[in-house]
Every structure is written in structure tokens, then in C-alpha cells.
Amino acid sequence: MADTKFSQEEMDKIKEIQSSYVGIQQAFGQVEVGRLRLEQQLDATQKASSDLRDKFLETQQNEQNFIKELNKKYGDGSLDLESGTFTPNKSE
């Protein structure tokens, strides 16, 4: 069987297809790197959210403990935050 030489047009088409595959592979790589970065950002955001949720719960507990201390010291009543004046509830 004799060797057959492809035409320039056929060779150009083969090179075009190969080039297309290389471009697609590079684009896949870029997409995956972008996805990895987004996942890292999501992980960091979820950790920050979890940390803030924990801090919120801790602050709520601190508030409840402080209110108990104040109630024990002053009894039930209300505090005017502007003046710092405590007004005890009237007993009936």
C-alpha cells in the first residue's frame, strides 16, 4: 500500500481540531481553578458565619446571666438607658 499524503486543507482542519481541543482543555483548567477558589471562599464564609453564630449565642448567654445578676441585686424593674436610672416594678 502506498503512502497517501493529506491535502493542505485536510492538514489545516486536523490542526484546527487539535487546537480546539487544547483550548477546551485550558478552559476546563481555568474553570476548575475558579471553582476551587469559589469553594475556598464558600468555606471561609461558612466558617465566619459559624464563628459569628457562636459569638451571638455566647453574647445572648452573657446577657441572660447579667440580667439574672441585676435582678438578684435590684429586683424586677426597668432601666432607662439614657439616664441610667433603674425603676423597680411596683408590687401589687
PDB file of N, CA and C in Angstrom:
ATOM      1  N   MET A   1       0.839  -1.166   0.000  1.00  0.00           N
ATOM      2  CA  MET A   1       0.000   0.000   0.000  1.00  0.00           C
ATOM      3  C   MET A   1       0.891   1.238   0.000  1.00  0.00           C
ATOM      4  N   ALA A   2       0.576   2.163  -0.835  1.00  0.00           N
ATOM      5  CA  ALA A   2       1.380   3.368  -0.997  1.00  0.00           C
ATOM      6  C   ALA A   2       0.969   4.393   0.048  1.00  0.00           C
ATOM      7  N   ASP A   3       1.949   5.181   0.468  1.00  0.00           N
ATOM      8  CA  ASP A   3       1.656   6.274   1.393  1.00  0.00           C
ATOM      9  C   ASP A   3       0.780   7.298   0.699  1.00  0.00           C
ATOM     10  N   THR A   4      -0.154   7.832   1.470  1.00  0.00           N
ATOM     11  CA  THR A   4      -1.037   8.863   0.936  1.00  0.00           C
ATOM     12  C   THR A   4      -0.764  10.148   1.685  1.00  0.00           C
ATOM     13  N   LYS A   5      -0.638  11.189   0.981  1.00  0.00           N
ATOM     14  CA  LYS A   5      -0.386  12.490   1.587  1.00  0.00           C
ATOM     15  C   LYS A   5      -1.707  13.238   1.674  1.00  0.00           C
ATOM     16  N   PHE A   6      -1.987  13.749   2.903  1.00  0.00           N
ATOM     17  CA  PHE A   6      -3.202  14.552   3.076  1.00  0.00           C
ATOM     18  C   PHE A   6      -3.014  15.895   2.392  1.00  0.00           C
ATOM     19  N   SER A   7      -4.130  16.445   1.982  1.00  0.00           N
ATOM     20  CA  SER A   7      -4.091  17.764   1.355  1.00  0.00           C
ATOM     21  C   SER A   7      -3.837  18.829   2.426  1.00  0.00           C
ATOM     22  N   GLN A   8      -3.416  19.982   1.992  1.00  0.00           N
ATOM     23  CA  GLN A   8      -3.179  21.095   2.927  1.00  0.00           C
ATOM     24  C   GLN A   8      -4.471  21.449   3.660  1.00  0.00           C
ATOM     25  N   GLU A   9      -5.570  21.414   2.977  1.00  0.00           N
ATOM     26  CA  GLU A   9      -6.872  21.705   3.593  1.00  0.00           C
ATOM     27  C   GLU A   9      -7.183  20.700   4.704  1.00  0.00           C
ATOM     28  N   GLU A  10      -6.924  19.413   4.447  1.00  0.00           N
ATOM     29  CA  GLU A  10      -7.161  18.387   5.468  1.00  0.00           C
ATOM     30  C   GLU A  10      -6.220  18.571   6.663  1.00  0.00           C
ATOM     31  N   MET A  11      -4.956  18.872   6.368  1.00  0.00           N
ATOM     32  CA  MET A  11      -3.988  19.104   7.452  1.00  0.00           C
ATOM     33  C   MET A  11      -4.390  20.325   8.281  1.00  0.00           C
ATOM     34  N   ASP A  12      -4.849  21.358   7.617  1.00  0.00           N
ATOM     35  CA  ASP A  12      -5.305  22.554   8.336  1.00  0.00           C
ATOM     36  C   ASP A  12      -6.492  22.226   9.235  1.00  0.00           C
ATOM     37  N   LYS A  13      -7.398  21.408   8.745  1.00  0.00           N
ATOM     38  CA  LYS A  13      -8.584  21.005   9.528  1.00  0.00           C
ATOM     39  C   LYS A  13      -8.155  20.193  10.759  1.00  0.00           C
ATOM     40  N   ILE A  14      -7.195  19.267  10.592  1.00  0.00           N
ATOM     41  CA  ILE A  14      -6.693  18.478  11.714  1.00  0.00           C
ATOM     42  C   ILE A  14      -6.058  19.395  12.760  1.00  0.00           C
ATOM     43  N   LYS A  15      -5.243  20.339  12.314  1.00  0.00           N
ATOM     44  CA  LYS A  15      -4.596  21.280  13.228  1.00  0.00           C
ATOM     45  C   LYS A  15      -5.634  22.148  13.938  1.00  0.00           C
ATOM     46  N   GLU A  16      -6.676  22.535  13.224  1.00  0.00           N
ATOM     47  CA  GLU A  16      -7.753  23.333  13.810  1.00  0.00           C
ATOM     48  C   GLU A  16      -8.461  22.546  14.921  1.00  0.00           C
ATOM     49  N   ILE A  17      -8.729  21.268  14.668  1.00  0.00           N
ATOM     50  CA  ILE A  17      -9.388  20.414  15.668  1.00  0.00           C
ATOM     51  C   ILE A  17      -8.484  20.222  16.871  1.00  0.00           C
ATOM     52  N   GLN A  18      -7.197  19.972  16.634  1.00  0.00           N
ATOM     53  CA  GLN A  18      -6.249  19.811  17.745  1.00  0.00           C
ATOM     54  C   GLN A  18      -6.177  21.092  18.583  1.00  0.00           C
ATOM     55  N   SER A  19      -6.123  22.193  17.902  1.00  0.00           N
ATOM     56  CA  SER A  19      -6.062  23.484  18.589  1.00  0.00           C
ATOM     57  C   SER A  19      -7.326  23.711  19.427  1.00  0.00           C
ATOM     58  N   SER A  20      -8.456  23.300  18.872  1.00  0.00           N
ATOM     59  CA  SER A  20      -9.717  23.427  19.603  1.00  0.00           C
ATOM     60  C   SER A  20      -9.680  22.598  20.881  1.00  0.00           C
ATOM     61  N   TYR A  21      -9.156  21.357  20.790  1.00  0.00           N
ATOM     62  CA  TYR A  21      -9.041  20.508  21.984  1.00  0.00           C
ATOM     63  C   TYR A  21      -8.128  21.152  23.038  1.00  0.00           C
ATOM     64  N   VAL A  22      -7.019  21.707  22.602  1.00  0.00           N
ATOM     65  CA  VAL A  22      -6.096  22.361  23.539  1.00  0.00           C
ATOM     66  C   VAL A  22      -6.795  23.541  24.222  1.00  0.00           C
ATOM     67  N   GLY A  23      -7.517  24.328  23.458  1.00  0.00           N
ATOM     68  CA  GLY A  23      -8.252  25.465  24.033  1.00  0.00           C
ATOM     69  C   GLY A  23      -9.298  25.017  25.041  1.00  0.00           C
ATOM     70  N   ILE A  24      -9.993  23.941  24.707  1.00  0.00           N
ATOM     71  CA  ILE A  24     -11.016  23.401  25.610  1.00  0.00           C
ATOM     72  C   ILE A  24     -10.378  22.908  26.900  1.00  0.00           C
ATOM     73  N   GLN A  25      -9.248  22.199  26.786  1.00  0.00           N
ATOM     74  CA  GLN A  25      -8.552  21.708  27.982  1.00  0.00           C
ATOM     75  C   GLN A  25      -8.103  22.864  28.871  1.00  0.00           C
ATOM     76  N   GLN A  26      -7.584  23.914  28.269  1.00  0.00           N
ATOM     77  CA  GLN A  26      -7.160  25.084  29.043  1.00  0.00           C
ATOM     78  C   GLN A  26      -8.359  25.742  29.728  1.00  0.00           C
ATOM     79  N   ALA A  27      -9.454  25.837  28.995  1.00  0.00           N
ATOM     80  CA  ALA A  27     -10.661  26.439  29.573  1.00  0.00           C
ATOM     81  C   ALA A  27     -11.183  25.596  30.734  1.00  0.00           C
ATOM     82  N   PHE A  28     -11.165  24.255  30.575  1.00  0.00           N
ATOM     83  CA  PHE A  28     -11.561  23.376  31.685  1.00  0.00           C
ATOM     84  C   PHE A  28     -10.680  23.629  32.904  1.00  0.00           C
ATOM     85  N   GLY A  29      -9.391  23.755  32.683  1.00  0.00           N
ATOM     86  CA  GLY A  29      -8.472  24.024  33.786  1.00  0.00           C
ATOM     87  C   GLY A  29      -8.808  25.330  34.484  1.00  0.00           C
ATOM     88  N   GLN A  30      -9.089  26.363  33.709  1.00  0.00           N
ATOM     89  CA  GLN A  30      -9.448  27.659  34.292  1.00  0.00           C
ATOM     90  C   GLN A  30     -10.746  27.569  35.079  1.00  0.00           C
ATOM     91  N   VAL A  31     -11.714  26.841  34.528  1.00  0.00           N
ATOM     92  CA  VAL A  31     -12.994  26.677  35.227  1.00  0.00           C
ATOM     93  C   VAL A  31     -12.786  25.954  36.551  1.00  0.00           C
ATOM     94  N   GLU A  32     -11.976  24.899  36.542  1.00  0.00           N
ATOM     95  CA  GLU A  32     -11.743  24.136  37.770  1.00  0.00           C
ATOM     96  C   GLU A  32     -10.991  24.960  38.812  1.00  0.00           C
ATOM     97  N   VAL A  33     -10.025  25.755  38.378  1.00  0.00           N
ATOM     98  CA  VAL A  33      -9.319  26.637  39.318  1.00  0.00           C
ATOM     99  C   VAL A  33     -10.305  27.660  39.887  1.00  0.00           C
ATOM    100  N   GLY A  34     -11.163  28.203  39.036  1.00  0.00           N
ATOM    101  CA  GLY A  34     -12.186  29.139  39.513  1.00  0.00           C
ATOM    102  C   GLY A  34     -13.122  28.486  40.510  1.00  0.00           C
ATOM    103  N   ARG A  35     -13.508  27.244  40.222  1.00  0.00           N
ATOM    104  CA  ARG A  35     -14.386  26.512  41.127  1.00  0.00           C
ATOM    105  C   ARG A  35     -13.695  26.280  42.472  1.00  0.00           C
ATOM    106  N   LEU A  36     -12.424  25.919  42.439  1.00  0.00           N
ATOM    107  CA  LEU A  36     -11.659  25.699  43.672  1.00  0.00           C
ATOM    108  C   LEU A  36     -11.605  26.972  44.505  1.00  0.00           C
ATOM    109  N   ARG A  37     -11.358  28.094  43.844  1.00  0.00           N
ATOM    110  CA  ARG A  37     -11.310  29.374  44.562  1.00  0.00           C
ATOM    111  C   ARG A  37     -12.671  29.712  45.178  1.00  0.00           C
ATOM    112  N   LEU A  38     -13.731  29.462  44.430  1.00  0.00           N
ATOM    113  CA  LEU A  38     -15.073  29.714  44.963  1.00  0.00           C
ATOM    114  C   LEU A  38     -15.369  28.814  46.157  1.00  0.00           C
ATOM    115  N   GLU A  39     -14.957  27.551  46.072  1.00  0.00           N
ATOM    116  CA  GLU A  39     -15.164  26.641  47.193  1.00  0.00           C
ATOM    117  C   GLU A  39     -14.388  27.110  48.424  1.00  0.00           C
ATOM    118  N   GLN A  40     -13.176  27.617  48.198  1.00  0.00           N
ATOM    119  CA  GLN A  40     -12.390  28.150  49.311  1.00  0.00           C
ATOM    120  C   GLN A  40     -13.093  29.359  49.930  1.00  0.00           C
ATOM    121  N   GLN A  41     -13.625  30.235  49.097  1.00  0.00           N
ATOM    122  CA  GLN A  41     -14.361  31.400  49.600  1.00  0.00           C
ATOM    123  C   GLN A  41     -15.601  30.962  50.356  1.00  0.00           C
ATOM    124  N   LEU A  42     -16.306  29.976  49.825  1.00  0.00           N
ATOM    125  CA  LEU A  42     -17.503  29.476  50.489  1.00  0.00           C
ATOM    126  C   LEU A  42     -17.147  28.883  51.846  1.00  0.00           C
ATOM    127  N   ASP A  43     -16.066  28.096  51.905  1.00  0.00           N
ATOM    128  CA  ASP A  43     -15.626  27.517  53.173  1.00  0.00           C
ATOM    129  C   ASP A  43     -15.302  28.619  54.178  1.00  0.00           C
ATOM    130  N   ALA A  44     -14.596  29.646  53.723  1.00  0.00           N
ATOM    131  CA  ALA A  44     -14.232  30.754  54.616  1.00  0.00           C
ATOM    132  C   ALA A  44     -15.480  31.499  55.084  1.00  0.00           C
ATOM    133  N   THR A  45     -16.437  31.687  54.191  1.00  0.00           N
ATOM    134  CA  THR A  45     -17.686  32.372  54.542  1.00  0.00           C
ATOM    135  C   THR A  45     -18.491  31.542  55.539  1.00  0.00           C
ATOM    136  N   GLN A  46     -18.547  30.241  55.316  1.00  0.00           N
ATOM    137  CA  GLN A  46     -19.282  29.371  56.241  1.00  0.00           C
ATOM    138  C   GLN A  46     -18.622  29.360  57.618  1.00  0.00           C
ATOM    139  N   LYS A  47     -17.284  29.360  57.645  1.00  0.00           N
ATOM    140  CA  LYS A  47     -16.580  29.395  58.934  1.00  0.00           C
ATOM    141  C   LYS A  47     -16.850  30.715  59.644  1.00  0.00           C
ATOM    142  N   ALA A  48     -16.788  31.828  58.914  1.00  0.00           N
ATOM    143  CA  ALA A  48     -17.065  33.132  59.512  1.00  0.00           C
ATOM    144  C   ALA A  48     -18.486  33.181  60.043  1.00  0.00           C
ATOM    145  N   SER A  49     -19.432  32.633  59.291  1.00  0.00           N
ATOM    146  CA  SER A  49     -20.821  32.611  59.728  1.00  0.00           C
ATOM    147  C   SER A  49     -20.973  31.767  60.990  1.00  0.00           C
ATOM    148  N   SER A  50     -20.329  30.622  61.013  1.00  0.00           N
ATOM    149  CA  SER A  50     -20.389  29.747  62.186  1.00  0.00           C
ATOM    150  C   SER A  50     -19.769  30.425  63.408  1.00  0.00           C
ATOM    151  N   ASP A  51     -18.635  31.088  63.197  1.00  0.00           N
ATOM    152  CA  ASP A  51     -17.981  31.794  64.301  1.00  0.00           C
ATOM    153  C   ASP A  51     -18.875  32.907  64.842  1.00  0.00           C
ATOM    154  N   LEU A  52     -19.530  33.638  63.946  1.00  0.00           N
ATOM    155  CA  LEU A  52     -20.426  34.719  64.367  1.00  0.00           C
ATOM    156  C   LEU A  52     -21.656  34.163  65.077  1.00  0.00           C
ATOM    157  N   ARG A  53     -22.165  33.044  64.614  1.00  0.00           N
ATOM    158  CA  ARG A  53     -23.312  32.399  65.265  1.00  0.00           C
ATOM    159  C   ARG A  53     -22.923  31.997  66.693  1.00  0.00           C
ATOM    160  N   ASP A  54     -21.742  31.421  66.839  1.00  0.00           N
ATOM    161  CA  ASP A  54     -21.264  31.045  68.176  1.00  0.00           C
ATOM    162  C   ASP A  54     -21.109  32.270  69.067  1.00  0.00           C
ATOM    163  N   LYS A  55     -20.566  33.346  68.513  1.00  0.00           N
ATOM    164  CA  LYS A  55     -20.383  34.586  69.279  1.00  0.00           C
ATOM    165  C   LYS A  55     -21.743  35.172  69.677  1.00  0.00           C
ATOM    166  N   PHE A  56     -22.715  35.090  68.765  1.00  0.00           N
ATOM    167  CA  PHE A  56     -24.056  35.581  69.056  1.00  0.00           C
ATOM    168  C   PHE A  56     -24.661  34.812  70.231  1.00  0.00           C
ATOM    169  N   LEU A  57     -24.555  33.477  70.178  1.00  0.00           N
ATOM    170  CA  LEU A  57     -25.101  32.651  71.259  1.00  0.00           C
ATOM    171  C   LEU A  57     -24.390  32.925  72.578  1.00  0.00           C
ATOM    172  N   GLU A  58     -23.089  33.123  72.517  1.00  0.00           N
ATOM    173  CA  GLU A  58     -22.313  33.451  73.721  1.00  0.00           C
ATOM    174  C   GLU A  58     -22.764  34.799  74.300  1.00  0.00           C
ATOM    175  N   THR A  59     -22.987  35.759  73.435  1.00  0.00           N
ATOM    176  CA  THR A  59     -23.430  37.082  73.879  1.00  0.00           C
ATOM    177  C   THR A  59     -24.819  37.004  74.496  1.00  0.00           C
ATOM    178  N   GLN A  60     -25.700  36.208  73.897  1.00  0.00           N
ATOM    179  CA  GLN A  60     -27.034  36.012  74.484  1.00  0.00           C
ATOM    180  C   GLN A  60     -26.929  35.414  75.885  1.00  0.00           C
ATOM    181  N   GLN A  61     -26.065  34.436  76.041  1.00  0.00           N
ATOM    182  CA  GLN A  61     -25.894  33.795  77.347  1.00  0.00           C
ATOM    183  C   GLN A  61     -25.330  34.785  78.355  1.00  0.00           C
ATOM    184  N   ASN A  62     -24.353  35.596  77.924  1.00  0.00           N
ATOM    185  CA  ASN A  62     -23.797  36.636  78.808  1.00  0.00           C
ATOM    186  C   ASN A  62     -24.873  37.626  79.229  1.00  0.00           C
ATOM    187  N   GLU A  63     -25.725  38.003  78.284  1.00  0.00           N
ATOM    188  CA  GLU A  63     -26.818  38.930  78.584  1.00  0.00           C
ATOM    189  C   GLU A  63     -27.761  38.317  79.616  1.00  0.00           C
ATOM    190  N   GLN A  64     -28.156  37.075  79.411  1.00  0.00           N
ATOM    191  CA  GLN A  64     -29.075  36.420  80.344  1.00  0.00           C
ATOM    192  C   GLN A  64     -28.467  36.308  81.739  1.00  0.00           C
ATOM    193  N   ASN A  65     -27.187  35.963  81.789  1.00  0.00           N
ATOM    194  CA  ASN A  65     -26.519  35.870  83.089  1.00  0.00           C
ATOM    195  C   ASN A  65     -26.463  37.228  83.784  1.00  0.00           C
ATOM    196  N   PHE A  66     -26.174  38.273  83.017  1.00  0.00           N
ATOM    197  CA  PHE A  66     -26.087  39.619  83.590  1.00  0.00           C
ATOM    198  C   PHE A  66     -27.453  40.089  84.081  1.00  0.00           C
ATOM    199  N   ILE A  67     -28.497  39.806  83.318  1.00  0.00           N
ATOM    200  CA  ILE A  67     -29.859  40.178  83.735  1.00  0.00           C
ATOM    201  C   ILE A  67     -30.212  39.466  85.034  1.00  0.00           C
ATOM    202  N   LYS A  68     -29.842  38.205  85.167  1.00  0.00           N
ATOM    203  CA  LYS A  68     -30.099  37.475  86.416  1.00  0.00           C
ATOM    204  C   LYS A  68     -29.385  38.135  87.587  1.00  0.00           C
ATOM    205  N   GLU A  69     -28.125  38.546  87.366  1.00  0.00           N
ATOM    206  CA  GLU A  69     -27.363  39.226  88.416  1.00  0.00           C
ATOM    207  C   GLU A  69     -28.039  40.537  88.819  1.00  0.00           C
ATOM    208  N   LEU A  70     -28.461  41.309  87.817  1.00  0.00           N
ATOM    209  CA  LEU A  70     -29.117  42.589  88.112  1.00  0.00           C
ATOM    210  C   LEU A  70     -30.442  42.375  88.834  1.00  0.00           C
ATOM    211  N   ASN A  71     -31.208  41.392  88.394  1.00  0.00           N
ATOM    212  CA  ASN A  71     -32.482  41.103  89.061  1.00  0.00           C
ATOM    213  C   ASN A  71     -32.257  40.671  90.505  1.00  0.00           C
ATOM    214  N   LYS A  72     -31.202  39.907  90.724  1.00  0.00           N
ATOM    215  CA  LYS A  72     -30.883  39.462  92.079  1.00  0.00           C
ATOM    216  C   LYS A  72     -30.485  40.660  92.947  1.00  0.00           C
ATOM    217  N   LYS A  73     -29.734  41.580  92.366  1.00  0.00           N
ATOM    218  CA  LYS A  73     -29.245  42.740  93.112  1.00  0.00           C
ATOM    219  C   LYS A  73     -30.332  43.808  93.298  1.00  0.00           C
ATOM    220  N   TYR A  74     -31.098  44.107  92.242  1.00  0.00           N
ATOM    221  CA  TYR A  74     -32.034  45.224  92.283  1.00  0.00           C
ATOM    222  C   TYR A  74     -33.497  44.796  92.275  1.00  0.00           C
ATOM    223  N   GLY A  75     -33.768  43.554  91.940  1.00  0.00           N
ATOM    224  CA  GLY A  75     -35.157  43.112  91.811  1.00  0.00           C
ATOM    225  C   GLY A  75     -35.658  43.408  90.409  1.00  0.00           C
ATOM    226  N   ASP A  76     -36.949  43.081  90.190  1.00  0.00           N
ATOM    227  CA  ASP A  76     -37.544  43.327  88.879  1.00  0.00           C
ATOM    228  C   ASP A  76     -37.777  44.817  88.688  1.00  0.00           C
ATOM    229  N   GLY A  77     -37.578  45.259  87.465  1.00  0.00           N
ATOM    230  CA  GLY A  77     -37.802  46.674  87.165  1.00  0.00           C
ATOM    231  C   GLY A  77     -37.352  46.966  85.758  1.00  0.00           C
ATOM    232  N   SER A  78     -37.191  48.263  85.497  1.00  0.00           N
ATOM    233  CA  SER A  78     -36.751  48.659  84.165  1.00  0.00           C
ATOM    234  C   SER A  78     -35.647  49.698  84.294  1.00  0.00           C
ATOM    235  N   LEU A  79     -34.810  49.741  83.286  1.00  0.00           N
ATOM    236  CA  LEU A  79     -33.672  50.649  83.273  1.00  0.00           C
ATOM    237  C   LEU A  79     -33.845  51.628  82.124  1.00  0.00           C
ATOM    238  N   ASP A  80     -33.689  52.908  82.431  1.00  0.00           N
ATOM    239  CA  ASP A  80     -33.658  53.950  81.397  1.00  0.00           C
ATOM    240  C   ASP A  80     -32.202  54.051  80.938  1.00  0.00           C
ATOM    241  N   LEU A  81     -31.930  53.593  79.722  1.00  0.00           N
ATOM    242  CA  LEU A  81     -30.556  53.569  79.219  1.00  0.00           C
ATOM    243  C   LEU A  81     -29.971  54.965  79.053  1.00  0.00           C
ATOM    244  N   GLU A  82     -30.804  55.956  78.810  1.00  0.00           N
ATOM    245  CA  GLU A  82     -30.319  57.321  78.635  1.00  0.00           C
ATOM    246  C   GLU A  82     -29.794  57.899  79.950  1.00  0.00           C
ATOM    247  N   SER A  83     -30.553  57.710  81.022  1.00  0.00           N
ATOM    248  CA  SER A  83     -30.171  58.325  82.298  1.00  0.00           C
ATOM    249  C   SER A  83     -29.464  57.346  83.229  1.00  0.00           C
ATOM    250  N   GLY A  84     -29.607  56.044  82.983  1.00  0.00           N
ATOM    251  CA  GLY A  84     -29.026  55.052  83.876  1.00  0.00           C
ATOM    252  C   GLY A  84     -29.870  54.848  85.123  1.00  0.00           C
ATOM    253  N   THR A  85     -31.108  55.300  85.084  1.00  0.00           N
ATOM    254  CA  THR A  85     -31.985  55.218  86.258  1.00  0.00           C
ATOM    255  C   THR A  85     -32.772  53.923  86.215  1.00  0.00           C
ATOM    256  N   PHE A  86     -32.761  53.209  87.348  1.00  0.00           N
ATOM    257  CA  PHE A  86     -33.493  51.972  87.492  1.00  0.00           C
ATOM    258  C   PHE A  86     -34.788  52.265  88.231  1.00  0.00           C
ATOM    259  N   THR A  87     -35.890  51.783  87.704  1.00  0.00           N
ATOM    260  CA  THR A  87     -37.188  51.958  88.347  1.00  0.00           C
ATOM    261  C   THR A  87     -37.727  50.587  88.694  1.00  0.00           C
ATOM    262  N   PRO A  88     -37.892  50.286  90.007  1.00  0.00           N
ATOM    263  CA  PRO A  88     -38.409  48.987  90.379  1.00  0.00           C
ATOM    264  C   PRO A  88     -39.871  48.843  89.977  1.00  0.00           C
ATOM    265  N   ASN A  89     -40.271  47.617  89.672  1.00  0.00           N
ATOM    266  CA  ASN A  89     -41.676  47.337  89.406  1.00  0.00           C
ATOM    267  C   ASN A  89     -42.452  47.523  90.708  1.00  0.00           C
ATOM    268  N   LYS A  90     -43.652  48.054  90.585  1.00  0.00           N
ATOM    269  CA  LYS A  90     -44.494  48.253  91.769  1.00  0.00           C
ATOM    270  C   LYS A  90     -45.142  46.943  92.152  1.00  0.00           C
ATOM    271  N   SER A  91     -45.036  46.587  93.405  1.00  0.00           N
ATOM    272  CA  SER A  91     -45.690  45.366  93.908  1.00  0.00           C
ATOM    273  C   SER A  91     -47.158  45.650  94.113  1.00  0.00           C
ATOM    274  N   GLU A  92     -47.964  44.662  93.789  1.00  0.00           N
ATOM    275  CA  GLU A  92     -49.418  44.856  93.965  1.00  0.00           C
ATOM    276  C   GLU A  92     -49.877  44.198  95.194  1.00  0.00           C
TER     277      GLU A  92
END
